[in-house]
Amino acid sequence: MPKPMRADARRNYERLLKEAALAFTEHGVDASLDDIAKRAGVGSGTLYRHFPTRQDLLGEVYADRIDELADQAVEFGASGRPPGQALADWLQKLAEQLIRLRGLRALLGAAMADGSTPVISGCSGRLTDAAGELLTAARQAGAARADLETAEMLRLTHAVAMAAELGADGPPDVRRCLVLMIEGICGDDRRAMSL
């Protein structure tokens, strides 16, 4: 069990998380860690004591968001929507969050690649499990390909978010890109999940 933090250390930790979230939103995942420490009113050494790597900081900043996305997947699955529609609706929500929170996209991309940071692998494991349940239900309803794996679906959604963000129209392109991807997920019968 980790030792409880002193009150001043806890305040520093919270300020670092707040400033890191702002910096990642403003400047992306490559935001300067020294600037984050400065904005939080602490030295770089304090930042590195709490977060030895950039991935550790990203993981802590976005852990709650990842949990929310996992919770939403469970809610969508229990919502009474047809399973294919629940999956499509959740994939759109995921893609929108990946576009809006650039640091989250980088974090989940790294987690899908190797999952080496404990916070990341714990959060992404929960997200992957929830997504897998939606995919399994869609498969059982004949609304998703039988050979599609959860990790593949998440990687494709990650790629769609990146492509949509780069599109001429910016983030609104995510809907069209997801429809194109989902048609591939549905398989040959094209029992469409409309977005």
N, C-alpha and C. Protein backbone atom coordinates (compact mmCIF):
# COMPACT_ATOMS: atom_id res chain seq x y z
N MET A 1 0.85 -1.18 0.00
CA MET A 1 0.00 0.00 0.00
C MET A 1 0.90 1.24 0.00
N PRO A 2 0.65 2.19 -0.95
CA PRO A 2 1.48 3.38 -0.99
C PRO A 2 1.31 4.24 0.26
N LYS A 3 2.40 4.87 0.65
CA LYS A 3 2.38 5.75 1.81
C LYS A 3 1.57 7.01 1.48
N PRO A 4 0.70 7.47 2.38
CA PRO A 4 -0.07 8.69 2.11
C PRO A 4 0.85 9.89 1.93
N MET A 5 0.47 10.80 1.04
CA MET A 5 1.27 12.00 0.80
C MET A 5 1.00 13.04 1.88
N ARG A 6 2.04 13.79 2.18
CA ARG A 6 1.86 14.97 3.04
C ARG A 6 0.95 15.95 2.31
N ALA A 7 0.36 16.87 3.04
CA ALA A 7 -0.59 17.83 2.45
C ALA A 7 0.07 18.67 1.36
N ASP A 8 1.31 19.13 1.59
CA ASP A 8 1.97 19.96 0.57
C ASP A 8 2.32 19.14 -0.67
N ALA A 9 2.72 17.90 -0.47
CA ALA A 9 3.04 17.03 -1.62
C ALA A 9 1.76 16.74 -2.42
N ARG A 10 0.66 16.55 -1.73
CA ARG A 10 -0.62 16.30 -2.40
C ARG A 10 -1.04 17.53 -3.22
N ARG A 11 -0.85 18.72 -2.65
CA ARG A 11 -1.19 19.95 -3.39
C ARG A 11 -0.32 20.08 -4.64
N ASN A 12 0.97 19.80 -4.50
CA ASN A 12 1.87 19.85 -5.66
C ASN A 12 1.43 18.86 -6.73
N TYR A 13 1.10 17.68 -6.30
CA TYR A 13 0.66 16.62 -7.21
C TYR A 13 -0.59 17.07 -7.99
N GLU A 14 -1.57 17.61 -7.28
CA GLU A 14 -2.81 18.06 -7.90
C GLU A 14 -2.57 19.22 -8.86
N ARG A 15 -1.70 20.17 -8.46
CA ARG A 15 -1.39 21.30 -9.35
C ARG A 15 -0.68 20.80 -10.61
N LEU A 16 0.22 19.86 -10.45
CA LEU A 16 0.91 19.30 -11.62
C LEU A 16 -0.08 18.65 -12.58
N LEU A 17 -1.03 17.88 -12.06
CA LEU A 17 -2.03 17.24 -12.92
C LEU A 17 -2.87 18.29 -13.65
N LYS A 18 -3.29 19.32 -12.92
CA LYS A 18 -4.12 20.36 -13.52
C LYS A 18 -3.36 21.08 -14.63
N GLU A 19 -2.14 21.48 -14.36
CA GLU A 19 -1.36 22.21 -15.36
C GLU A 19 -0.96 21.31 -16.53
N ALA A 20 -0.71 20.05 -16.25
CA ALA A 20 -0.37 19.12 -17.34
C ALA A 20 -1.56 18.94 -18.27
N ALA A 21 -2.76 18.81 -17.71
CA ALA A 21 -3.96 18.66 -18.54
C ALA A 21 -4.12 19.87 -19.45
N LEU A 22 -3.92 21.08 -18.92
CA LEU A 22 -4.01 22.29 -19.72
C LEU A 22 -2.93 22.33 -20.80
N ALA A 23 -1.71 21.98 -20.41
CA ALA A 23 -0.60 22.02 -21.37
C ALA A 23 -0.77 21.00 -22.48
N PHE A 24 -1.24 19.80 -22.15
CA PHE A 24 -1.44 18.78 -23.19
C PHE A 24 -2.57 19.19 -24.13
N THR A 25 -3.57 19.87 -23.60
CA THR A 25 -4.66 20.35 -24.45
C THR A 25 -4.17 21.46 -25.38
N GLU A 26 -3.37 22.37 -24.84
CA GLU A 26 -2.88 23.50 -25.63
C GLU A 26 -1.79 23.12 -26.62
N HIS A 27 -0.85 22.28 -26.18
CA HIS A 27 0.36 22.03 -26.97
C HIS A 27 0.53 20.59 -27.42
N GLY A 28 -0.40 19.73 -27.07
CA GLY A 28 -0.26 18.33 -27.44
C GLY A 28 0.62 17.57 -26.47
N VAL A 29 0.85 16.33 -26.82
CA VAL A 29 1.55 15.41 -25.94
C VAL A 29 3.02 15.79 -25.72
N ASP A 30 3.58 16.61 -26.60
CA ASP A 30 4.98 16.99 -26.48
C ASP A 30 5.17 18.28 -25.69
N ALA A 31 4.15 18.73 -24.98
CA ALA A 31 4.27 19.93 -24.14
C ALA A 31 5.48 19.78 -23.23
N SER A 32 6.15 20.89 -22.99
CA SER A 32 7.35 20.89 -22.17
C SER A 32 7.02 20.53 -20.72
N LEU A 33 7.70 19.51 -20.20
CA LEU A 33 7.50 19.12 -18.81
C LEU A 33 8.04 20.18 -17.86
N ASP A 34 9.13 20.83 -18.25
CA ASP A 34 9.67 21.91 -17.43
C ASP A 34 8.68 23.06 -17.32
N ASP A 35 8.01 23.38 -18.43
CA ASP A 35 6.99 24.43 -18.40
C ASP A 35 5.80 24.03 -17.52
N ILE A 36 5.44 22.76 -17.56
CA ILE A 36 4.34 22.28 -16.71
C ILE A 36 4.71 22.47 -15.24
N ALA A 37 5.94 22.09 -14.88
CA ALA A 37 6.39 22.26 -13.50
C ALA A 37 6.37 23.74 -13.11
N LYS A 38 6.87 24.58 -14.01
CA LYS A 38 6.91 26.03 -13.74
C LYS A 38 5.50 26.57 -13.54
N ARG A 39 4.56 26.20 -14.42
CA ARG A 39 3.18 26.67 -14.30
C ARG A 39 2.53 26.19 -13.00
N ALA A 40 2.96 25.03 -12.52
CA ALA A 40 2.41 24.50 -11.27
C ALA A 40 3.09 25.10 -10.05
N GLY A 41 4.14 25.89 -10.27
CA GLY A 41 4.84 26.53 -9.16
C GLY A 41 5.76 25.60 -8.39
N VAL A 42 6.27 24.57 -9.09
CA VAL A 42 7.20 23.62 -8.46
C VAL A 42 8.41 23.46 -9.36
N GLY A 43 9.45 22.86 -8.82
CA GLY A 43 10.64 22.58 -9.61
C GLY A 43 10.47 21.31 -10.43
N SER A 44 11.32 21.16 -11.43
CA SER A 44 11.27 19.97 -12.28
C SER A 44 11.50 18.69 -11.48
N GLY A 45 12.33 18.79 -10.45
CA GLY A 45 12.59 17.61 -9.62
C GLY A 45 11.32 17.10 -8.95
N THR A 46 10.46 18.02 -8.53
CA THR A 46 9.19 17.63 -7.91
C THR A 46 8.32 16.91 -8.93
N LEU A 47 8.27 17.44 -10.16
CA LEU A 47 7.48 16.78 -11.20
C LEU A 47 7.98 15.36 -11.41
N TYR A 48 9.31 15.18 -11.54
CA TYR A 48 9.86 13.86 -11.83
C TYR A 48 9.77 12.90 -10.64
N ARG A 49 9.71 13.43 -9.42
CA ARG A 49 9.49 12.55 -8.27
C ARG A 49 8.09 11.94 -8.34
N HIS A 50 7.11 12.74 -8.73
CA HIS A 50 5.73 12.25 -8.84
C HIS A 50 5.51 11.44 -10.12
N PHE A 51 6.13 11.88 -11.21
CA PHE A 51 5.89 11.28 -12.53
C PHE A 51 7.23 11.09 -13.23
N PRO A 52 7.86 9.93 -13.03
CA PRO A 52 9.20 9.70 -13.58
C PRO A 52 9.29 9.82 -15.11
N THR A 53 8.18 9.55 -15.81
CA THR A 53 8.20 9.63 -17.27
C THR A 53 7.00 10.43 -17.77
N ARG A 54 7.09 10.87 -19.00
CA ARG A 54 5.97 11.57 -19.64
C ARG A 54 4.73 10.66 -19.68
N GLN A 55 4.95 9.37 -19.96
CA GLN A 55 3.83 8.43 -20.01
C GLN A 55 3.14 8.29 -18.65
N ASP A 56 3.92 8.34 -17.57
CA ASP A 56 3.32 8.29 -16.23
C ASP A 56 2.42 9.50 -16.01
N LEU A 57 2.88 10.68 -16.43
CA LEU A 57 2.08 11.89 -16.27
C LEU A 57 0.83 11.83 -17.14
N LEU A 58 0.98 11.44 -18.40
CA LEU A 58 -0.18 11.30 -19.28
C LEU A 58 -1.19 10.32 -18.70
N GLY A 59 -0.69 9.20 -18.19
CA GLY A 59 -1.57 8.18 -17.61
C GLY A 59 -2.39 8.72 -16.46
N GLU A 60 -1.76 9.48 -15.60
CA GLU A 60 -2.50 10.05 -14.46
C GLU A 60 -3.47 11.14 -14.89
N VAL A 61 -3.05 11.97 -15.86
CA VAL A 61 -3.92 13.05 -16.33
C VAL A 61 -5.20 12.50 -16.94
N TYR A 62 -5.07 11.41 -17.70
CA TYR A 62 -6.22 10.91 -18.46
C TYR A 62 -6.87 9.65 -17.89
N ALA A 63 -6.43 9.19 -16.73
CA ALA A 63 -7.00 7.97 -16.15
C ALA A 63 -8.51 8.09 -15.96
N ASP A 64 -8.98 9.23 -15.47
CA ASP A 64 -10.42 9.41 -15.25
C ASP A 64 -11.18 9.40 -16.57
N ARG A 65 -10.62 10.00 -17.61
CA ARG A 65 -11.28 10.02 -18.93
C ARG A 65 -11.41 8.60 -19.49
N ILE A 66 -10.37 7.82 -19.30
CA ILE A 66 -10.40 6.44 -19.80
C ILE A 66 -11.46 5.66 -19.04
N ASP A 67 -11.52 5.87 -17.73
CA ASP A 67 -12.56 5.21 -16.93
C ASP A 67 -13.95 5.63 -17.40
N GLU A 68 -14.14 6.92 -17.70
CA GLU A 68 -15.44 7.40 -18.18
C GLU A 68 -15.81 6.72 -19.50
N LEU A 69 -14.85 6.58 -20.40
CA LEU A 69 -15.13 5.93 -21.68
C LEU A 69 -15.50 4.46 -21.48
N ALA A 70 -14.83 3.80 -20.54
CA ALA A 70 -15.17 2.41 -20.24
C ALA A 70 -16.57 2.32 -19.64
N ASP A 71 -16.90 3.24 -18.74
CA ASP A 71 -18.25 3.28 -18.16
C ASP A 71 -19.30 3.51 -19.23
N GLN A 72 -19.01 4.41 -20.17
CA GLN A 72 -19.96 4.69 -21.25
C GLN A 72 -20.17 3.47 -22.13
N ALA A 73 -19.12 2.70 -22.37
CA ALA A 73 -19.27 1.48 -23.16
C ALA A 73 -20.24 0.53 -22.48
N VAL A 74 -20.10 0.38 -21.17
CA VAL A 74 -21.00 -0.49 -20.41
C VAL A 74 -22.43 0.05 -20.48
N GLU A 75 -22.58 1.37 -20.30
CA GLU A 75 -23.91 2.00 -20.36
C GLU A 75 -24.54 1.82 -21.74
N PHE A 76 -23.77 2.01 -22.80
CA PHE A 76 -24.30 1.86 -24.15
C PHE A 76 -24.75 0.43 -24.38
N GLY A 77 -23.99 -0.53 -23.86
CA GLY A 77 -24.35 -1.93 -24.01
C GLY A 77 -25.63 -2.29 -23.28
N ALA A 78 -25.91 -1.60 -22.18
CA ALA A 78 -27.11 -1.89 -21.38
C ALA A 78 -28.27 -0.95 -21.70
N SER A 79 -28.13 -0.12 -22.73
CA SER A 79 -29.11 0.93 -23.01
C SER A 79 -30.37 0.46 -23.72
N GLY A 80 -30.37 -0.77 -24.21
CA GLY A 80 -31.52 -1.23 -24.97
C GLY A 80 -31.38 -0.98 -26.47
N ARG A 81 -30.32 -0.27 -26.87
CA ARG A 81 -30.07 -0.07 -28.30
C ARG A 81 -29.75 -1.43 -28.92
N PRO A 82 -30.01 -1.60 -30.22
CA PRO A 82 -29.51 -2.80 -30.88
C PRO A 82 -27.99 -2.86 -30.71
N PRO A 83 -27.42 -4.05 -30.53
CA PRO A 83 -25.99 -4.15 -30.23
C PRO A 83 -25.08 -3.45 -31.24
N GLY A 84 -25.41 -3.54 -32.51
CA GLY A 84 -24.59 -2.86 -33.51
C GLY A 84 -24.64 -1.36 -33.36
N GLN A 85 -25.80 -0.84 -33.05
CA GLN A 85 -25.95 0.60 -32.87
C GLN A 85 -25.23 1.05 -31.60
N ALA A 86 -25.31 0.26 -30.54
CA ALA A 86 -24.60 0.60 -29.30
C ALA A 86 -23.10 0.69 -29.56
N LEU A 87 -22.58 -0.27 -30.33
CA LEU A 87 -21.16 -0.26 -30.66
C LEU A 87 -20.81 0.97 -31.49
N ALA A 88 -21.60 1.25 -32.52
CA ALA A 88 -21.33 2.41 -33.38
C ALA A 88 -21.39 3.72 -32.60
N ASP A 89 -22.39 3.85 -31.74
CA ASP A 89 -22.52 5.08 -30.95
C ASP A 89 -21.32 5.27 -30.03
N TRP A 90 -20.88 4.17 -29.43
CA TRP A 90 -19.74 4.28 -28.52
C TRP A 90 -18.44 4.57 -29.28
N LEU A 91 -18.27 3.96 -30.44
CA LEU A 91 -17.06 4.23 -31.23
C LEU A 91 -17.01 5.70 -31.63
N GLN A 92 -18.16 6.28 -31.93
CA GLN A 92 -18.18 7.71 -32.25
C GLN A 92 -17.77 8.52 -31.03
N LYS A 93 -18.30 8.18 -29.86
CA LYS A 93 -17.94 8.89 -28.63
C LYS A 93 -16.43 8.78 -28.38
N LEU A 94 -15.89 7.58 -28.55
CA LEU A 94 -14.45 7.38 -28.36
C LEU A 94 -13.65 8.24 -29.34
N ALA A 95 -14.02 8.21 -30.62
CA ALA A 95 -13.29 8.98 -31.62
C ALA A 95 -13.35 10.48 -31.31
N GLU A 96 -14.50 10.97 -30.90
CA GLU A 96 -14.63 12.39 -30.57
C GLU A 96 -13.72 12.77 -29.41
N GLN A 97 -13.63 11.90 -28.40
CA GLN A 97 -12.75 12.18 -27.26
C GLN A 97 -11.29 12.15 -27.68
N LEU A 98 -10.94 11.23 -28.58
CA LEU A 98 -9.56 11.13 -29.05
C LEU A 98 -9.16 12.39 -29.83
N ILE A 99 -10.12 12.98 -30.54
CA ILE A 99 -9.84 14.22 -31.27
C ILE A 99 -9.74 15.40 -30.31
N ARG A 100 -10.67 15.47 -29.40
CA ARG A 100 -10.73 16.61 -28.48
C ARG A 100 -9.55 16.64 -27.52
N LEU A 101 -9.12 15.48 -27.07
CA LEU A 101 -8.04 15.40 -26.08
C LEU A 101 -6.83 14.72 -26.74
N ARG A 102 -5.97 15.54 -27.32
CA ARG A 102 -4.84 14.99 -28.08
C ARG A 102 -3.94 14.11 -27.22
N GLY A 103 -3.77 14.49 -25.97
CA GLY A 103 -2.94 13.68 -25.08
C GLY A 103 -3.54 12.31 -24.85
N LEU A 104 -4.87 12.24 -24.80
CA LEU A 104 -5.54 10.95 -24.63
C LEU A 104 -5.27 10.05 -25.83
N ARG A 105 -5.31 10.64 -27.03
CA ARG A 105 -5.05 9.85 -28.23
C ARG A 105 -3.63 9.28 -28.19
N ALA A 106 -2.67 10.11 -27.81
CA ALA A 106 -1.29 9.64 -27.73
C ALA A 106 -1.14 8.56 -26.67
N LEU A 107 -1.80 8.76 -25.54
CA LEU A 107 -1.72 7.81 -24.44
C LEU A 107 -2.29 6.46 -24.84
N LEU A 108 -3.49 6.46 -25.42
CA LEU A 108 -4.11 5.20 -25.81
C LEU A 108 -3.37 4.55 -26.96
N GLY A 109 -2.80 5.37 -27.84
CA GLY A 109 -1.98 4.81 -28.91
C GLY A 109 -0.80 4.05 -28.35
N ALA A 110 -0.14 4.62 -27.35
CA ALA A 110 0.99 3.95 -26.71
C ALA A 110 0.54 2.70 -25.96
N ALA A 111 -0.61 2.80 -25.30
CA ALA A 111 -1.12 1.65 -24.54
C ALA A 111 -1.45 0.49 -25.48
N MET A 112 -2.02 0.82 -26.64
CA MET A 112 -2.36 -0.24 -27.59
C MET A 112 -1.11 -0.85 -28.19
N ALA A 113 -0.03 -0.05 -28.23
CA ALA A 113 1.22 -0.56 -28.78
C ALA A 113 1.94 -1.48 -27.80
N ASP A 114 2.03 -1.04 -26.52
CA ASP A 114 2.81 -1.87 -25.60
C ASP A 114 2.25 -1.98 -24.18
N GLY A 115 1.48 -1.01 -23.74
CA GLY A 115 0.88 -1.07 -22.40
C GLY A 115 1.88 -1.18 -21.28
N SER A 116 3.06 -0.57 -21.46
CA SER A 116 4.14 -0.79 -20.51
C SER A 116 4.00 -0.02 -19.19
N THR A 117 3.26 1.06 -19.17
CA THR A 117 3.11 1.83 -17.94
C THR A 117 1.91 1.29 -17.15
N PRO A 118 2.07 0.96 -15.87
CA PRO A 118 0.98 0.34 -15.11
C PRO A 118 -0.34 1.12 -15.14
N VAL A 119 -0.29 2.44 -14.99
CA VAL A 119 -1.54 3.21 -15.02
C VAL A 119 -2.20 3.05 -16.37
N ILE A 120 -1.40 3.13 -17.43
CA ILE A 120 -1.93 3.01 -18.78
C ILE A 120 -2.51 1.62 -19.01
N SER A 121 -1.75 0.60 -18.67
CA SER A 121 -2.23 -0.75 -18.94
C SER A 121 -3.47 -1.08 -18.11
N GLY A 122 -3.56 -0.57 -16.89
CA GLY A 122 -4.75 -0.80 -16.08
C GLY A 122 -5.98 -0.13 -16.66
N CYS A 123 -5.82 1.13 -17.04
CA CYS A 123 -6.95 1.88 -17.63
C CYS A 123 -7.32 1.32 -18.99
N SER A 124 -6.32 1.09 -19.82
CA SER A 124 -6.64 0.63 -21.17
C SER A 124 -7.18 -0.80 -21.13
N GLY A 125 -6.78 -1.58 -20.13
CA GLY A 125 -7.34 -2.93 -19.99
C GLY A 125 -8.82 -2.87 -19.70
N ARG A 126 -9.22 -1.97 -18.84
CA ARG A 126 -10.65 -1.81 -18.53
C ARG A 126 -11.40 -1.32 -19.76
N LEU A 127 -10.82 -0.38 -20.49
CA LEU A 127 -11.44 0.14 -21.71
C LEU A 127 -11.55 -0.97 -22.76
N THR A 128 -10.50 -1.74 -22.92
CA THR A 128 -10.51 -2.84 -23.88
C THR A 128 -11.56 -3.88 -23.51
N ASP A 129 -11.67 -4.20 -22.24
CA ASP A 129 -12.69 -5.17 -21.81
C ASP A 129 -14.10 -4.68 -22.12
N ALA A 130 -14.37 -3.41 -21.82
CA ALA A 130 -15.71 -2.86 -22.07
C ALA A 130 -16.00 -2.81 -23.57
N ALA A 131 -15.01 -2.41 -24.37
CA ALA A 131 -15.18 -2.39 -25.82
C ALA A 131 -15.40 -3.80 -26.34
N GLY A 132 -14.68 -4.76 -25.77
CA GLY A 132 -14.83 -6.16 -26.18
C GLY A 132 -16.23 -6.69 -25.92
N GLU A 133 -16.85 -6.28 -24.82
CA GLU A 133 -18.22 -6.70 -24.54
C GLU A 133 -19.19 -6.15 -25.58
N LEU A 134 -19.01 -4.87 -25.96
CA LEU A 134 -19.85 -4.29 -27.01
C LEU A 134 -19.66 -5.03 -28.34
N LEU A 135 -18.41 -5.31 -28.66
CA LEU A 135 -18.12 -6.01 -29.91
C LEU A 135 -18.69 -7.43 -29.91
N THR A 136 -18.57 -8.13 -28.80
CA THR A 136 -19.11 -9.49 -28.70
C THR A 136 -20.62 -9.48 -28.91
N ALA A 137 -21.30 -8.54 -28.29
CA ALA A 137 -22.76 -8.44 -28.45
C ALA A 137 -23.12 -8.14 -29.90
N ALA A 138 -22.35 -7.25 -30.54
CA ALA A 138 -22.62 -6.92 -31.95
C ALA A 138 -22.36 -8.13 -32.84
N ARG A 139 -21.31 -8.89 -32.54
CA ARG A 139 -21.03 -10.12 -33.30
C ARG A 139 -22.19 -11.10 -33.17
N GLN A 140 -22.64 -11.31 -31.93
CA GLN A 140 -23.72 -12.26 -31.69
C GLN A 140 -25.01 -11.86 -32.39
N ALA A 141 -25.20 -10.55 -32.60
CA ALA A 141 -26.39 -10.06 -33.29
C ALA A 141 -26.20 -10.03 -34.81
N GLY A 142 -25.02 -10.47 -35.26
CA GLY A 142 -24.73 -10.45 -36.69
C GLY A 142 -24.43 -9.07 -37.23
N ALA A 143 -24.09 -8.14 -36.34
CA ALA A 143 -23.84 -6.76 -36.75
C ALA A 143 -22.35 -6.41 -36.78
N ALA A 144 -21.48 -7.38 -36.58
CA ALA A 144 -20.04 -7.15 -36.65
C ALA A 144 -19.37 -8.42 -37.16
N ARG A 145 -18.26 -8.23 -37.82
CA ARG A 145 -17.52 -9.37 -38.37
C ARG A 145 -17.10 -10.33 -37.25
N ALA A 146 -17.18 -11.59 -37.54
CA ALA A 146 -16.80 -12.61 -36.55
C ALA A 146 -15.30 -12.62 -36.30
N ASP A 147 -14.51 -12.19 -37.28
CA ASP A 147 -13.06 -12.27 -37.15
C ASP A 147 -12.41 -10.98 -36.63
N LEU A 148 -13.21 -9.97 -36.33
CA LEU A 148 -12.67 -8.70 -35.83
C LEU A 148 -12.29 -8.83 -34.36
N GLU A 149 -11.08 -8.41 -34.04
CA GLU A 149 -10.61 -8.43 -32.65
C GLU A 149 -10.78 -7.04 -32.04
N THR A 150 -10.96 -7.01 -30.75
CA THR A 150 -11.17 -5.74 -30.05
C THR A 150 -10.00 -4.78 -30.28
N ALA A 151 -8.77 -5.28 -30.18
CA ALA A 151 -7.61 -4.41 -30.36
C ALA A 151 -7.59 -3.82 -31.77
N GLU A 152 -7.98 -4.59 -32.76
CA GLU A 152 -8.03 -4.08 -34.13
C GLU A 152 -9.06 -2.96 -34.24
N MET A 153 -10.22 -3.17 -33.66
CA MET A 153 -11.28 -2.17 -33.70
C MET A 153 -10.83 -0.87 -33.03
N LEU A 154 -10.16 -0.98 -31.89
CA LEU A 154 -9.69 0.21 -31.19
C LEU A 154 -8.59 0.91 -31.98
N ARG A 155 -7.71 0.14 -32.60
CA ARG A 155 -6.66 0.76 -33.42
C ARG A 155 -7.27 1.48 -34.61
N LEU A 156 -8.27 0.87 -35.24
CA LEU A 156 -8.94 1.51 -36.38
C LEU A 156 -9.63 2.80 -35.94
N THR A 157 -10.27 2.78 -34.79
CA THR A 157 -10.94 3.98 -34.29
C THR A 157 -9.91 5.07 -34.01
N HIS A 158 -8.79 4.68 -33.45
CA HIS A 158 -7.68 5.60 -33.20
C HIS A 158 -7.23 6.22 -34.52
N ALA A 159 -7.09 5.40 -35.54
CA ALA A 159 -6.66 5.89 -36.85
C ALA A 159 -7.71 6.82 -37.47
N VAL A 160 -8.98 6.47 -37.31
CA VAL A 160 -10.06 7.32 -37.82
C VAL A 160 -10.01 8.69 -37.15
N ALA A 161 -9.79 8.72 -35.85
CA ALA A 161 -9.71 9.99 -35.14
C ALA A 161 -8.56 10.83 -35.67
N MET A 162 -7.43 10.21 -35.91
CA MET A 162 -6.29 10.95 -36.45
C MET A 162 -6.60 11.46 -37.85
N ALA A 163 -7.19 10.61 -38.69
CA ALA A 163 -7.52 11.01 -40.06
C ALA A 163 -8.55 12.12 -40.08
N ALA A 164 -9.55 12.02 -39.24
CA ALA A 164 -10.61 13.03 -39.20
C ALA A 164 -10.05 14.38 -38.76
N GLU A 165 -9.15 14.36 -37.82
CA GLU A 165 -8.57 15.60 -37.33
C GLU A 165 -7.76 16.29 -38.42
N LEU A 166 -7.16 15.51 -39.30
CA LEU A 166 -6.34 16.07 -40.37
C LEU A 166 -7.16 16.49 -41.58
N GLY A 167 -8.43 16.06 -41.63
CA GLY A 167 -9.28 16.36 -42.77
C GLY A 167 -9.53 17.84 -42.94
N ALA A 168 -9.96 18.19 -44.14
CA ALA A 168 -10.19 19.60 -44.47
C ALA A 168 -11.24 20.23 -43.55
N ASP A 169 -12.22 19.44 -43.17
CA ASP A 169 -13.29 19.98 -42.33
C ASP A 169 -13.02 19.79 -40.84
N GLY A 170 -11.88 19.20 -40.49
CA GLY A 170 -11.55 19.00 -39.09
C GLY A 170 -12.39 17.92 -38.44
N PRO A 171 -12.59 17.98 -37.14
CA PRO A 171 -13.27 16.93 -36.38
C PRO A 171 -14.62 16.45 -36.92
N PRO A 172 -15.46 17.28 -37.55
CA PRO A 172 -16.74 16.73 -38.03
C PRO A 172 -16.58 15.57 -39.01
N ASP A 173 -15.43 15.45 -39.66
CA ASP A 173 -15.18 14.34 -40.58
C ASP A 173 -15.24 12.99 -39.87
N VAL A 174 -15.18 12.97 -38.56
CA VAL A 174 -15.14 11.71 -37.83
C VAL A 174 -16.37 10.86 -38.12
N ARG A 175 -17.52 11.46 -38.28
CA ARG A 175 -18.75 10.71 -38.52
C ARG A 175 -18.65 9.92 -39.83
N ARG A 176 -18.26 10.60 -40.90
CA ARG A 176 -18.14 9.92 -42.19
C ARG A 176 -17.05 8.85 -42.15
N CYS A 177 -15.91 9.16 -41.58
CA CYS A 177 -14.83 8.17 -41.50
C CYS A 177 -15.27 6.94 -40.71
N LEU A 178 -16.00 7.15 -39.62
CA LEU A 178 -16.49 6.02 -38.83
C LEU A 178 -17.49 5.18 -39.61
N VAL A 179 -18.37 5.82 -40.37
CA VAL A 179 -19.33 5.06 -41.18
C VAL A 179 -18.57 4.15 -42.15
N LEU A 180 -17.55 4.69 -42.79
CA LEU A 180 -16.77 3.88 -43.73
C LEU A 180 -16.08 2.72 -43.01
N MET A 181 -15.54 3.00 -41.82
CA MET A 181 -14.89 1.94 -41.07
C MET A 181 -15.90 0.89 -40.61
N ILE A 182 -17.05 1.35 -40.15
CA ILE A 182 -18.07 0.44 -39.62
C ILE A 182 -18.61 -0.48 -40.71
N GLU A 183 -18.70 0.02 -41.92
CA GLU A 183 -19.14 -0.85 -43.01
C GLU A 183 -18.18 -2.04 -43.16
N GLY A 184 -16.90 -1.79 -42.93
CA GLY A 184 -15.93 -2.89 -42.95
C GLY A 184 -16.09 -3.81 -41.74
N ILE A 185 -16.44 -3.25 -40.59
CA ILE A 185 -16.65 -4.05 -39.39
C ILE A 185 -17.87 -4.94 -39.54
N CYS A 186 -18.89 -4.43 -40.23
CA CYS A 186 -20.14 -5.18 -40.37
C CYS A 186 -19.98 -6.44 -41.22
N GLY A 187 -19.02 -6.47 -42.10
CA GLY A 187 -18.85 -7.65 -42.95
C GLY A 187 -19.67 -7.53 -44.21
N ASP A 188 -19.79 -8.64 -44.89
CA ASP A 188 -20.40 -8.65 -46.21
C ASP A 188 -21.89 -8.31 -46.22
N ASP A 189 -22.61 -8.67 -45.17
CA ASP A 189 -24.06 -8.45 -45.22
C ASP A 189 -24.43 -6.97 -45.03
N ARG A 190 -23.49 -6.15 -44.57
CA ARG A 190 -23.70 -4.71 -44.42
C ARG A 190 -24.96 -4.36 -43.64
N ARG A 191 -25.28 -5.14 -42.63
CA ARG A 191 -26.40 -4.75 -41.76
C ARG A 191 -25.97 -3.49 -41.06
N ALA A 192 -26.34 -2.39 -41.63
CA ALA A 192 -25.72 -1.11 -41.26
C ALA A 192 -26.03 -0.68 -39.85
N MET A 193 -25.00 -0.16 -39.22
CA MET A 193 -25.14 0.57 -37.98
C MET A 193 -25.12 2.01 -38.41
N SER A 194 -26.22 2.69 -38.36
CA SER A 194 -26.22 4.08 -38.83
C SER A 194 -25.75 4.98 -37.71
N LEU A 195 -25.03 6.00 -38.11
CA LEU A 195 -24.54 6.98 -37.12
C LEU A 195 -25.37 8.22 -37.17
